[in-house]
N, C-alpha and C. Protein backbone atom coordinates (compact mmCIF):
# COMPACT_ATOMS: atom_id res chain seq x y z
N UNK A 1 151.94 5.97 -46.62
CA UNK A 1 150.46 6.34 -45.58
C UNK A 1 150.03 5.12 -45.01
N UNK A 2 149.77 4.11 -45.29
CA UNK A 2 149.59 2.90 -44.74
C UNK A 2 150.31 2.47 -43.61
N UNK A 3 151.56 2.50 -43.78
CA UNK A 3 152.80 2.19 -42.71
C UNK A 3 152.71 2.88 -41.46
N UNK A 4 152.62 4.75 -42.19
CA UNK A 4 152.31 5.94 -41.07
C UNK A 4 151.13 5.52 -40.11
N UNK A 5 150.03 5.10 -40.73
CA UNK A 5 149.17 4.79 -39.63
C UNK A 5 149.24 3.70 -38.89
N UNK A 6 149.66 2.73 -39.54
CA UNK A 6 149.96 1.33 -38.34
C UNK A 6 151.30 1.91 -37.34
N UNK A 7 152.16 2.76 -37.68
CA UNK A 7 153.46 3.15 -36.78
C UNK A 7 152.70 4.01 -35.65
N UNK A 8 151.65 5.10 -36.28
CA UNK A 8 150.70 6.04 -35.26
C UNK A 8 149.99 4.96 -34.20
N UNK A 9 149.37 3.89 -34.84
CA UNK A 9 148.60 3.00 -34.15
C UNK A 9 149.21 1.88 -32.61
N UNK A 10 150.59 1.84 -33.05
CA UNK A 10 151.46 1.12 -32.33
C UNK A 10 152.04 2.21 -31.09
N UNK A 11 152.38 3.23 -31.60
CA UNK A 11 152.76 4.59 -30.81
C UNK A 11 151.75 4.40 -29.81
N UNK A 12 150.25 4.74 -30.12
CA UNK A 12 149.51 4.96 -29.21
C UNK A 12 149.17 3.85 -28.13
N UNK A 13 149.38 2.46 -28.75
CA UNK A 13 149.52 1.46 -28.21
C UNK A 13 150.70 1.61 -26.75
N UNK A 14 151.84 1.70 -27.19
CA UNK A 14 153.05 1.70 -26.58
C UNK A 14 152.77 3.00 -25.60
N UNK A 15 152.47 4.12 -25.89
CA UNK A 15 152.24 5.17 -25.10
C UNK A 15 151.00 5.11 -23.80
N UNK A 16 149.86 4.56 -24.64
CA UNK A 16 149.06 4.12 -23.39
C UNK A 16 149.35 3.24 -22.69
N UNK A 17 149.66 2.02 -22.89
CA UNK A 17 150.20 0.68 -22.01
C UNK A 17 151.52 1.09 -20.99
N UNK A 18 152.33 1.93 -21.57
CA UNK A 18 153.49 2.41 -20.58
C UNK A 18 152.71 3.41 -19.98
N UNK A 19 151.96 4.37 -19.88
CA UNK A 19 151.12 5.00 -19.03
C UNK A 19 150.50 4.52 -17.82
N UNK A 20 149.41 3.27 -18.55
CA UNK A 20 148.24 2.82 -17.78
C UNK A 20 149.55 1.67 -16.55
N UNK A 21 150.78 1.19 -17.06
CA UNK A 21 151.49 0.15 -16.42
C UNK A 21 152.17 1.32 -15.39
N UNK A 22 152.49 2.44 -15.67
CA UNK A 22 153.85 3.49 -14.38
C UNK A 22 153.14 3.10 -13.29
N UNK A 23 151.78 2.90 -12.72
CA UNK A 23 151.72 2.49 -11.42
C UNK A 23 151.80 1.08 -10.88
N UNK A 24 152.79 0.55 -11.96
CA UNK A 24 152.74 -1.08 -11.50
C UNK A 24 151.60 -1.98 -11.76
N UNK A 25 150.47 -1.39 -12.43
CA UNK A 25 149.27 -2.19 -12.36
C UNK A 25 148.55 -1.82 -13.83
N UNK A 26 148.20 -2.38 -14.50
CA UNK A 26 147.58 -2.03 -15.36
C UNK A 26 146.22 -2.49 -15.25
N UNK A 27 144.97 -1.41 -14.74
CA UNK A 27 143.73 -1.99 -14.45
C UNK A 27 143.10 -2.30 -15.32
N UNK A 28 141.76 -3.38 -15.49
CA UNK A 28 140.84 -3.61 -16.29
C UNK A 28 140.56 -2.47 -17.45
N UNK A 29 140.12 -1.36 -16.40
CA UNK A 29 139.27 0.21 -17.24
C UNK A 29 140.55 0.59 -18.18
N UNK A 30 141.99 0.59 -17.63
CA UNK A 30 142.78 0.62 -18.78
C UNK A 30 143.06 0.13 -20.01
N UNK A 31 143.33 -1.30 -19.58
CA UNK A 31 143.29 -1.93 -21.00
C UNK A 31 142.30 -1.95 -21.65
N UNK A 32 140.59 -2.23 -21.20
CA UNK A 32 139.60 -1.79 -22.17
C UNK A 32 139.78 -0.89 -23.25
N UNK A 33 140.03 0.38 -22.56
CA UNK A 33 140.36 1.76 -23.00
C UNK A 33 141.37 1.71 -24.15
N UNK A 34 142.11 0.90 -23.87
CA UNK A 34 143.30 0.72 -24.77
C UNK A 34 142.84 0.04 -26.03
N UNK A 35 142.04 -0.98 -25.81
CA UNK A 35 141.21 -2.10 -26.46
C UNK A 35 140.32 -1.35 -27.45
N UNK A 36 139.58 -0.52 -26.69
CA UNK A 36 138.69 0.24 -27.58
C UNK A 36 139.30 0.95 -28.63
N UNK A 37 140.34 1.97 -28.34
CA UNK A 37 140.92 2.34 -29.61
C UNK A 37 141.20 1.61 -30.69
N UNK A 38 141.93 0.56 -30.00
CA UNK A 38 142.41 -0.64 -31.28
C UNK A 38 141.42 -1.12 -32.12
N UNK A 39 140.16 -1.58 -31.26
CA UNK A 39 139.11 -1.96 -32.03
C UNK A 39 138.57 -0.73 -33.13
N UNK A 40 138.68 0.16 -33.05
CA UNK A 40 138.11 1.11 -34.14
C UNK A 40 138.79 0.98 -35.45
N UNK A 41 139.92 -0.05 -35.47
CA UNK A 41 140.61 -0.23 -36.78
C UNK A 41 139.93 -1.48 -36.93
N UNK A 42 138.71 -1.49 -38.25
CA UNK A 42 138.52 -2.75 -38.55
C UNK A 42 139.01 -4.22 -38.45
N UNK A 43 140.24 -3.85 -39.54
CA UNK A 43 141.30 -5.35 -39.47
C UNK A 43 142.73 -4.42 -39.60
N UNK A 44 143.46 -5.22 -39.35
CA UNK A 44 145.25 -4.98 -39.66
C UNK A 44 145.85 -5.96 -39.71
N UNK A 45 146.84 -6.09 -40.42
CA UNK A 45 147.93 -7.16 -40.75
C UNK A 45 148.01 -7.96 -39.70
N UNK A 46 148.56 -8.92 -39.63
CA UNK A 46 149.30 -9.75 -38.44
C UNK A 46 150.16 -9.36 -37.86
N UNK A 47 151.13 -8.67 -38.46
CA UNK A 47 152.39 -8.42 -37.83
C UNK A 47 152.21 -7.26 -37.16
N UNK A 48 151.05 -6.48 -37.48
CA UNK A 48 150.92 -5.11 -36.35
C UNK A 48 150.20 -5.84 -35.58
N UNK A 49 149.36 -6.83 -35.65
CA UNK A 49 148.74 -7.46 -34.60
C UNK A 49 149.56 -8.02 -33.54
N UNK A 50 150.13 -8.78 -33.99
CA UNK A 50 151.51 -9.41 -33.24
C UNK A 50 152.44 -8.40 -32.14
N UNK A 51 152.64 -7.02 -32.93
CA UNK A 51 153.60 -5.92 -32.62
C UNK A 51 152.55 -5.58 -31.15
N UNK A 52 151.34 -4.98 -31.28
CA UNK A 52 150.33 -4.54 -30.20
C UNK A 52 150.27 -5.38 -29.19
N UNK A 53 150.16 -6.85 -29.23
CA UNK A 53 149.92 -8.03 -28.41
C UNK A 53 151.36 -8.09 -27.15
N UNK A 54 152.48 -7.59 -28.36
CA UNK A 54 153.44 -8.09 -27.61
C UNK A 54 153.88 -6.77 -26.58
N UNK A 55 153.64 -5.57 -26.93
CA UNK A 55 153.63 -4.58 -26.25
C UNK A 55 152.46 -4.38 -25.13
N UNK A 56 151.42 -5.28 -25.23
CA UNK A 56 150.46 -5.24 -24.15
C UNK A 56 150.81 -6.13 -23.34
N UNK A 57 151.52 -7.12 -23.92
CA UNK A 57 152.29 -8.23 -22.90
C UNK A 57 153.29 -7.71 -22.18
N UNK A 58 154.01 -7.18 -23.01
CA UNK A 58 155.63 -6.81 -22.18
C UNK A 58 155.72 -5.00 -22.25
N UNK A 59 154.98 -4.36 -21.22
CA UNK A 59 155.09 -3.09 -21.62
C UNK A 59 156.09 -2.13 -21.68
N UNK A 60 156.18 -1.14 -22.34
CA UNK A 60 157.53 -0.71 -22.69
C UNK A 60 157.72 0.56 -21.72
N UNK A 61 158.89 1.19 -21.24
CA UNK A 61 159.10 2.07 -20.41
C UNK A 61 158.92 3.69 -20.99
N UNK A 62 158.63 4.70 -20.28
CA UNK A 62 158.43 5.60 -20.96
C UNK A 62 159.24 6.33 -22.04
N UNK A 63 160.51 6.05 -21.70
CA UNK A 63 161.58 6.61 -22.92
C UNK A 63 161.33 5.51 -23.90
N UNK A 64 160.87 4.50 -24.17
CA UNK A 64 160.94 3.96 -25.15
C UNK A 64 159.40 4.13 -25.93
N UNK A 65 157.96 4.46 -25.33
CA UNK A 65 156.70 4.92 -25.51
C UNK A 65 157.32 6.24 -26.38
N UNK A 66 157.92 7.08 -25.71
CA UNK A 66 158.08 8.47 -26.09
C UNK A 66 159.00 8.23 -27.73
N UNK A 67 159.63 7.28 -27.94
CA UNK A 67 160.45 6.79 -29.12
C UNK A 67 159.42 6.21 -30.12
N UNK A 68 158.69 5.58 -29.71
CA UNK A 68 157.61 5.27 -30.77
C UNK A 68 156.78 6.75 -31.00
N UNK A 69 156.57 7.57 -30.36
CA UNK A 69 155.53 8.25 -30.45
C UNK A 69 156.35 9.43 -31.38
N UNK A 70 157.58 9.71 -31.28
CA UNK A 70 158.50 10.25 -32.23
C UNK A 70 158.75 9.57 -33.45
N UNK A 71 158.73 8.30 -33.70
CA UNK A 71 159.29 7.92 -34.89
C UNK A 71 157.59 7.69 -35.79
N UNK A 72 156.84 7.86 -35.09
CA UNK A 72 155.13 7.73 -35.55
C UNK A 72 155.38 9.10 -36.78
N UNK A 73 155.78 10.11 -36.07
CA UNK A 73 155.61 11.03 -37.21
C UNK A 73 154.40 11.78 -37.05
N UNK A 74 153.87 11.46 -35.88
CA UNK A 74 152.53 12.61 -35.71
C UNK A 74 152.99 13.47 -34.77
N UNK A 75 152.34 14.60 -34.62
CA UNK A 75 152.23 15.70 -33.42
C UNK A 75 152.36 14.86 -32.00
N UNK A 76 153.30 15.41 -31.42
CA UNK A 76 153.85 14.50 -30.15
C UNK A 76 152.70 14.89 -29.26
N UNK A 77 152.06 16.13 -29.35
CA UNK A 77 151.08 16.61 -28.42
C UNK A 77 150.01 15.92 -28.68
N UNK A 78 149.52 14.99 -29.71
CA UNK A 78 148.16 14.42 -29.57
C UNK A 78 148.67 12.87 -28.78
N UNK A 79 149.35 12.44 -28.31
CA UNK A 79 149.81 11.63 -27.60
C UNK A 79 149.64 11.79 -25.82
N UNK A 80 149.28 13.29 -25.56
CA UNK A 80 149.09 13.86 -24.22
C UNK A 80 147.47 13.34 -24.14
N UNK A 81 146.68 13.23 -24.88
CA UNK A 81 144.92 13.06 -24.82
C UNK A 81 145.23 11.50 -24.81
N UNK A 82 145.92 10.43 -25.50
CA UNK A 82 146.30 9.14 -24.97
C UNK A 82 146.35 9.15 -23.66
N UNK A 83 147.37 9.42 -23.10
CA UNK A 83 147.84 9.40 -21.89
C UNK A 83 146.70 9.79 -20.83
N UNK A 84 146.27 11.41 -21.00
CA UNK A 84 144.85 11.63 -20.21
C UNK A 84 143.81 10.46 -20.08
N UNK A 85 143.40 10.06 -21.41
CA UNK A 85 142.49 9.37 -21.33
C UNK A 85 142.69 8.12 -20.56
N UNK A 86 143.84 7.54 -20.91
CA UNK A 86 144.16 6.27 -20.02
C UNK A 86 144.49 6.21 -18.85
N UNK A 87 144.99 7.14 -18.50
CA UNK A 87 145.26 7.25 -16.89
C UNK A 87 144.08 7.65 -15.89
N UNK A 88 142.99 8.19 -16.66
CA UNK A 88 141.90 8.61 -15.88
C UNK A 88 140.75 7.89 -16.18
N UNK A 89 140.95 6.77 -16.82
CA UNK A 89 139.80 5.78 -17.46
C UNK A 89 139.62 4.69 -16.22
N UNK A 90 140.22 4.73 -15.29
CA UNK A 90 139.92 3.78 -14.04
C UNK A 90 139.62 4.68 -13.01
N UNK A 91 139.47 6.08 -13.17
CA UNK A 91 138.77 6.72 -12.09
C UNK A 91 139.72 7.26 -11.02
N UNK A 92 140.84 7.00 -11.29
CA UNK A 92 141.94 7.01 -10.10
C UNK A 92 143.45 7.60 -10.92
N UNK A 93 143.77 8.63 -10.57
CA UNK A 93 145.00 9.08 -11.10
C UNK A 93 146.34 9.03 -10.14
N UNK A 94 146.77 7.88 -9.99
CA UNK A 94 147.57 7.49 -9.01
C UNK A 94 148.95 8.38 -9.01
N UNK A 95 149.75 8.49 -7.92
CA UNK A 95 151.09 9.20 -8.03
C UNK A 95 151.90 8.99 -8.80
N UNK A 96 152.01 7.87 -9.13
CA UNK A 96 153.39 7.17 -10.48
C UNK A 96 152.71 7.77 -11.72
N UNK A 97 151.51 7.81 -11.80
CA UNK A 97 151.09 8.34 -13.36
C UNK A 97 150.92 9.81 -13.09
N UNK A 98 151.07 10.08 -12.33
CA UNK A 98 151.30 12.02 -12.38
C UNK A 98 152.72 12.03 -12.64
N UNK A 99 153.48 10.90 -11.94
CA UNK A 99 155.21 11.19 -12.40
C UNK A 99 155.22 11.21 -13.73
N UNK A 100 154.44 10.16 -14.41
CA UNK A 100 154.64 9.59 -15.51
C UNK A 100 154.21 10.69 -16.48
N UNK A 101 153.14 11.75 -16.57
CA UNK A 101 152.55 12.64 -17.20
C UNK A 101 154.04 13.94 -16.89
N UNK A 102 154.50 14.19 -15.89
CA UNK A 102 155.02 15.33 -15.43
C UNK A 102 156.75 14.60 -16.48
N UNK A 103 157.12 13.59 -16.32
CA UNK A 103 158.22 12.87 -17.21
C UNK A 103 158.20 13.10 -18.66
N UNK A 104 156.84 12.90 -19.11
CA UNK A 104 156.70 12.94 -20.52
C UNK A 104 156.45 14.36 -20.92
N UNK A 105 156.03 15.25 -20.39
CA UNK A 105 156.27 16.93 -19.93
C UNK A 105 157.38 17.17 -20.41
N UNK A 106 158.54 16.43 -19.71
CA UNK A 106 160.15 16.76 -19.61
C UNK A 106 160.89 16.39 -21.11
N UNK A 107 160.23 15.35 -21.30
CA UNK A 107 160.60 14.51 -22.77
C UNK A 107 160.50 15.38 -23.73
N UNK A 108 159.18 15.81 -23.88
CA UNK A 108 158.49 16.72 -24.97
C UNK A 108 159.32 18.04 -24.95
N UNK A 109 159.62 18.56 -23.81
CA UNK A 109 160.33 19.99 -23.87
C UNK A 109 161.70 19.72 -24.38
N UNK A 110 162.23 18.30 -24.02
CA UNK A 110 163.72 18.11 -24.84
C UNK A 110 163.73 17.88 -26.56
N UNK A 111 162.52 17.30 -26.92
CA UNK A 111 162.30 17.39 -28.44
C UNK A 111 162.03 18.78 -29.07
N UNK A 112 161.20 19.82 -28.01
CA UNK A 112 161.15 21.00 -28.80
C UNK A 112 162.45 21.75 -28.86
N UNK A 113 163.38 21.75 -27.71
CA UNK A 113 164.32 22.34 -28.24
C UNK A 113 165.31 22.17 -29.05
N UNK A 114 165.49 20.71 -29.62
CA UNK A 114 166.04 20.44 -30.52
C UNK A 114 165.34 20.73 -31.97
N UNK A 115 164.22 21.44 -32.04
CA UNK A 115 163.73 21.89 -33.31
C UNK A 115 164.14 22.89 -33.66
């Protein structure tokens, strides 16, 4: 349970950062949104904090973010909300963010086909 929760948290960060970075620029509002989610966890182990910081410093691509999401074991549809909140946090949906959303939906379709 404990490890699954942190896997979910890391997956949310990976998906959020990948979505925020999809237009080539992570805005202050987008990173603040991700940080707000992270701050809801009172405290987590150093290795988890280091992994989160690494992802924030070196954003993963959409396929890597999707892999984090799938490996978290959480319903993949939950990450749609993470993406929506992050990409809309700066008040502007960039064309590349729209492309990210469409690609995410295509990736999810591939997962559903294998179930």
